[in-house]
């Protein structure tokens, strides 16, 4: 089951966007993972600094959106 930001808002409970991004990425739900990663980026979440080394992103690492995010975060 993939979870979107809208699903989380409907549930009315706080969620950690980084956890949700990892959850969706591990399930191979790239679109939902990137939706949550964009929220993390907009919120300036510190966890984004480990994008290039965390195995949690392996299933979406080859997506062009991943490389774009890495670039926008400012990682080499």
N, C-alpha and C. Protein backbone atom coordinates (compact mmCIF):
# COMPACT_ATOMS: atom_id res chain seq x y z
N UNK A 1 0.85 -1.18 0.00
CA UNK A 1 0.00 0.00 0.00
C UNK A 1 0.89 1.24 0.00
N UNK A 2 0.67 2.12 -0.95
CA UNK A 2 1.41 3.37 -0.97
C UNK A 2 0.57 4.46 -0.32
N UNK A 3 1.26 5.41 0.29
CA UNK A 3 0.57 6.48 0.99
C UNK A 3 1.00 7.82 0.42
N UNK A 4 0.02 8.64 0.11
CA UNK A 4 0.31 9.97 -0.40
C UNK A 4 0.15 11.00 0.70
N UNK A 5 0.55 12.21 0.41
CA UNK A 5 0.37 13.30 1.36
C UNK A 5 -1.12 13.51 1.64
N UNK A 6 -1.94 13.41 0.60
CA UNK A 6 -3.38 13.58 0.78
C UNK A 6 -3.94 12.52 1.72
N UNK A 7 -3.47 11.27 1.60
CA UNK A 7 -3.91 10.20 2.50
C UNK A 7 -3.58 10.55 3.94
N UNK A 8 -2.38 11.05 4.16
CA UNK A 8 -1.94 11.40 5.51
C UNK A 8 -2.79 12.53 6.08
N UNK A 9 -3.09 13.51 5.24
CA UNK A 9 -3.91 14.63 5.71
C UNK A 9 -5.32 14.16 6.06
N UNK A 10 -5.87 13.25 5.26
CA UNK A 10 -7.21 12.73 5.54
C UNK A 10 -7.23 11.96 6.86
N UNK A 11 -6.15 11.27 7.15
CA UNK A 11 -6.07 10.50 8.39
C UNK A 11 -6.00 11.42 9.61
N UNK A 12 -5.54 12.66 9.39
CA UNK A 12 -5.51 13.64 10.46
C UNK A 12 -4.46 13.37 11.53
N UNK A 13 -3.49 12.56 11.20
CA UNK A 13 -2.44 12.24 12.15
C UNK A 13 -1.10 12.73 11.62
N UNK A 14 -0.22 13.16 12.51
CA UNK A 14 1.10 13.62 12.04
C UNK A 14 1.92 12.46 11.50
N UNK A 15 2.62 12.73 10.43
CA UNK A 15 3.51 11.73 9.85
C UNK A 15 4.86 12.38 9.57
N UNK A 16 5.89 11.59 9.61
CA UNK A 16 7.21 12.07 9.27
C UNK A 16 7.41 11.89 7.77
N UNK A 17 7.57 12.98 7.03
CA UNK A 17 7.68 12.86 5.58
C UNK A 17 8.87 12.02 5.13
N UNK A 18 9.96 12.05 5.89
CA UNK A 18 11.12 11.23 5.52
C UNK A 18 10.78 9.75 5.66
N UNK A 19 10.11 9.39 6.74
CA UNK A 19 9.69 8.00 6.92
C UNK A 19 8.77 7.56 5.79
N UNK A 20 7.86 8.43 5.41
CA UNK A 20 6.92 8.08 4.34
C UNK A 20 7.64 7.95 3.00
N UNK A 21 8.62 8.79 2.76
CA UNK A 21 9.41 8.69 1.53
C UNK A 21 10.16 7.36 1.49
N UNK A 22 10.77 7.01 2.60
CA UNK A 22 11.51 5.75 2.67
C UNK A 22 10.56 4.56 2.50
N UNK A 23 9.43 4.61 3.16
CA UNK A 23 8.43 3.55 3.07
C UNK A 23 8.03 3.32 1.62
N UNK A 24 7.67 4.40 0.93
CA UNK A 24 7.24 4.28 -0.46
C UNK A 24 8.39 3.87 -1.38
N UNK A 25 9.58 4.38 -1.12
CA UNK A 25 10.74 4.01 -1.95
C UNK A 25 11.03 2.52 -1.82
N UNK A 26 10.97 2.01 -0.60
CA UNK A 26 11.25 0.58 -0.39
C UNK A 26 10.21 -0.31 -1.04
N UNK A 27 9.00 0.19 -1.19
CA UNK A 27 7.96 -0.56 -1.88
C UNK A 27 8.04 -0.40 -3.39
N UNK A 28 8.93 0.46 -3.85
CA UNK A 28 9.07 0.71 -5.28
C UNK A 28 8.06 1.69 -5.83
N UNK A 29 7.37 2.41 -4.96
CA UNK A 29 6.39 3.42 -5.36
C UNK A 29 7.10 4.75 -5.57
N UNK A 30 7.80 4.85 -6.69
CA UNK A 30 8.65 6.01 -6.94
C UNK A 30 7.87 7.32 -6.93
N UNK A 31 6.72 7.36 -7.56
CA UNK A 31 5.97 8.62 -7.63
C UNK A 31 5.62 9.13 -6.23
N UNK A 32 5.14 8.23 -5.39
CA UNK A 32 4.79 8.62 -4.02
C UNK A 32 6.04 8.97 -3.21
N UNK A 33 7.11 8.22 -3.41
CA UNK A 33 8.36 8.51 -2.70
C UNK A 33 8.83 9.92 -3.04
N UNK A 34 8.78 10.27 -4.32
CA UNK A 34 9.23 11.61 -4.72
C UNK A 34 8.28 12.70 -4.25
N UNK A 35 7.00 12.38 -4.14
CA UNK A 35 6.05 13.34 -3.58
C UNK A 35 6.48 13.68 -2.14
N UNK A 36 6.81 12.66 -1.37
CA UNK A 36 7.24 12.88 0.01
C UNK A 36 8.63 13.52 0.06
N UNK A 37 9.52 13.13 -0.83
CA UNK A 37 10.86 13.73 -0.85
C UNK A 37 10.78 15.22 -1.17
N UNK A 38 9.87 15.60 -2.03
CA UNK A 38 9.68 17.03 -2.33
C UNK A 38 9.22 17.77 -1.08
N UNK A 39 8.35 17.15 -0.31
CA UNK A 39 7.93 17.77 0.96
C UNK A 39 9.13 17.92 1.88
N UNK A 40 9.96 16.89 1.95
CA UNK A 40 11.18 16.97 2.76
C UNK A 40 12.08 18.10 2.28
N UNK A 41 12.23 18.23 0.98
CA UNK A 41 13.06 19.28 0.41
C UNK A 41 12.50 20.66 0.77
N UNK A 42 11.20 20.82 0.59
CA UNK A 42 10.56 22.11 0.89
C UNK A 42 10.65 22.45 2.38
N UNK A 43 10.63 21.42 3.22
CA UNK A 43 10.74 21.61 4.66
C UNK A 43 12.19 21.69 5.13
N UNK A 44 13.13 21.54 4.18
CA UNK A 44 14.57 21.57 4.49
C UNK A 44 14.96 20.53 5.53
N UNK A 45 14.49 19.31 5.32
CA UNK A 45 14.79 18.22 6.24
C UNK A 45 16.26 17.83 6.15
N UNK A 46 16.91 17.73 7.29
CA UNK A 46 18.34 17.44 7.36
C UNK A 46 18.65 16.03 6.83
N UNK A 47 17.70 15.12 6.89
CA UNK A 47 17.93 13.76 6.42
C UNK A 47 18.29 13.65 4.95
N UNK A 48 18.02 14.69 4.20
CA UNK A 48 18.34 14.66 2.77
C UNK A 48 19.84 14.66 2.49
N UNK A 49 20.64 15.05 3.46
CA UNK A 49 22.09 15.09 3.22
C UNK A 49 22.68 13.69 3.03
N UNK A 50 21.93 12.66 3.40
CA UNK A 50 22.44 11.29 3.24
C UNK A 50 21.86 10.58 2.03
N UNK A 51 21.26 11.31 1.12
CA UNK A 51 20.63 10.71 -0.05
C UNK A 51 21.56 9.78 -0.82
N UNK A 52 22.78 10.20 -1.00
CA UNK A 52 23.71 9.44 -1.85
C UNK A 52 24.23 8.17 -1.21
N UNK A 53 24.11 8.04 0.11
CA UNK A 53 24.73 6.89 0.78
C UNK A 53 23.73 5.97 1.48
N UNK A 54 22.50 6.38 1.63
CA UNK A 54 21.52 5.57 2.35
C UNK A 54 20.92 4.53 1.41
N UNK A 55 20.97 3.27 1.81
CA UNK A 55 20.46 2.18 0.98
C UNK A 55 18.95 2.24 0.78
N UNK A 56 18.26 2.99 1.60
CA UNK A 56 16.80 3.09 1.50
C UNK A 56 16.34 3.61 0.14
N UNK A 57 17.21 4.30 -0.55
CA UNK A 57 16.84 4.91 -1.83
C UNK A 57 17.25 4.05 -3.02
N UNK A 58 17.79 2.87 -2.80
CA UNK A 58 18.30 2.04 -3.89
C UNK A 58 17.27 1.76 -4.98
N UNK A 59 16.02 1.55 -4.63
CA UNK A 59 15.00 1.22 -5.63
C UNK A 59 14.61 2.41 -6.50
N UNK A 60 14.92 3.62 -6.07
CA UNK A 60 14.56 4.80 -6.88
C UNK A 60 15.78 5.58 -7.33
N UNK A 61 16.95 5.10 -6.98
CA UNK A 61 18.19 5.81 -7.27
C UNK A 61 18.42 6.06 -8.77
N UNK A 62 17.96 5.16 -9.64
CA UNK A 62 18.18 5.31 -11.08
C UNK A 62 17.17 6.23 -11.75
N UNK A 63 16.21 6.72 -11.01
CA UNK A 63 15.20 7.64 -11.54
C UNK A 63 15.85 9.02 -11.71
N UNK A 64 15.59 9.67 -12.82
CA UNK A 64 16.19 10.99 -13.08
C UNK A 64 15.79 12.01 -12.01
N UNK A 65 14.63 11.84 -11.41
CA UNK A 65 14.19 12.76 -10.35
C UNK A 65 15.10 12.67 -9.14
N UNK A 66 15.68 11.49 -8.91
CA UNK A 66 16.59 11.32 -7.78
C UNK A 66 17.84 12.16 -7.99
N UNK A 67 18.43 12.07 -9.17
CA UNK A 67 19.63 12.86 -9.46
C UNK A 67 19.34 14.35 -9.39
N UNK A 68 18.15 14.74 -9.85
CA UNK A 68 17.77 16.16 -9.77
C UNK A 68 17.67 16.61 -8.31
N UNK A 69 17.09 15.77 -7.47
CA UNK A 69 16.98 16.11 -6.05
C UNK A 69 18.35 16.21 -5.40
N UNK A 70 19.22 15.26 -5.69
CA UNK A 70 20.58 15.28 -5.16
C UNK A 70 21.25 16.60 -5.53
N UNK A 71 21.09 17.02 -6.77
CA UNK A 71 21.68 18.27 -7.24
C UNK A 71 21.10 19.46 -6.50
N UNK A 72 19.77 19.48 -6.34
CA UNK A 72 19.13 20.61 -5.65
C UNK A 72 19.48 20.68 -4.18
N UNK A 73 19.71 19.53 -3.57
CA UNK A 73 20.13 19.51 -2.16
C UNK A 73 21.53 20.09 -2.04
N UNK A 74 22.31 20.00 -3.12
CA UNK A 74 23.65 20.56 -3.12
C UNK A 74 24.74 19.54 -2.86
N UNK A 75 24.40 18.26 -3.08
CA UNK A 75 25.40 17.23 -2.89
C UNK A 75 26.23 17.05 -4.14
N UNK A 76 27.52 16.72 -3.97
CA UNK A 76 28.38 16.55 -5.16
C UNK A 76 28.00 15.31 -5.96
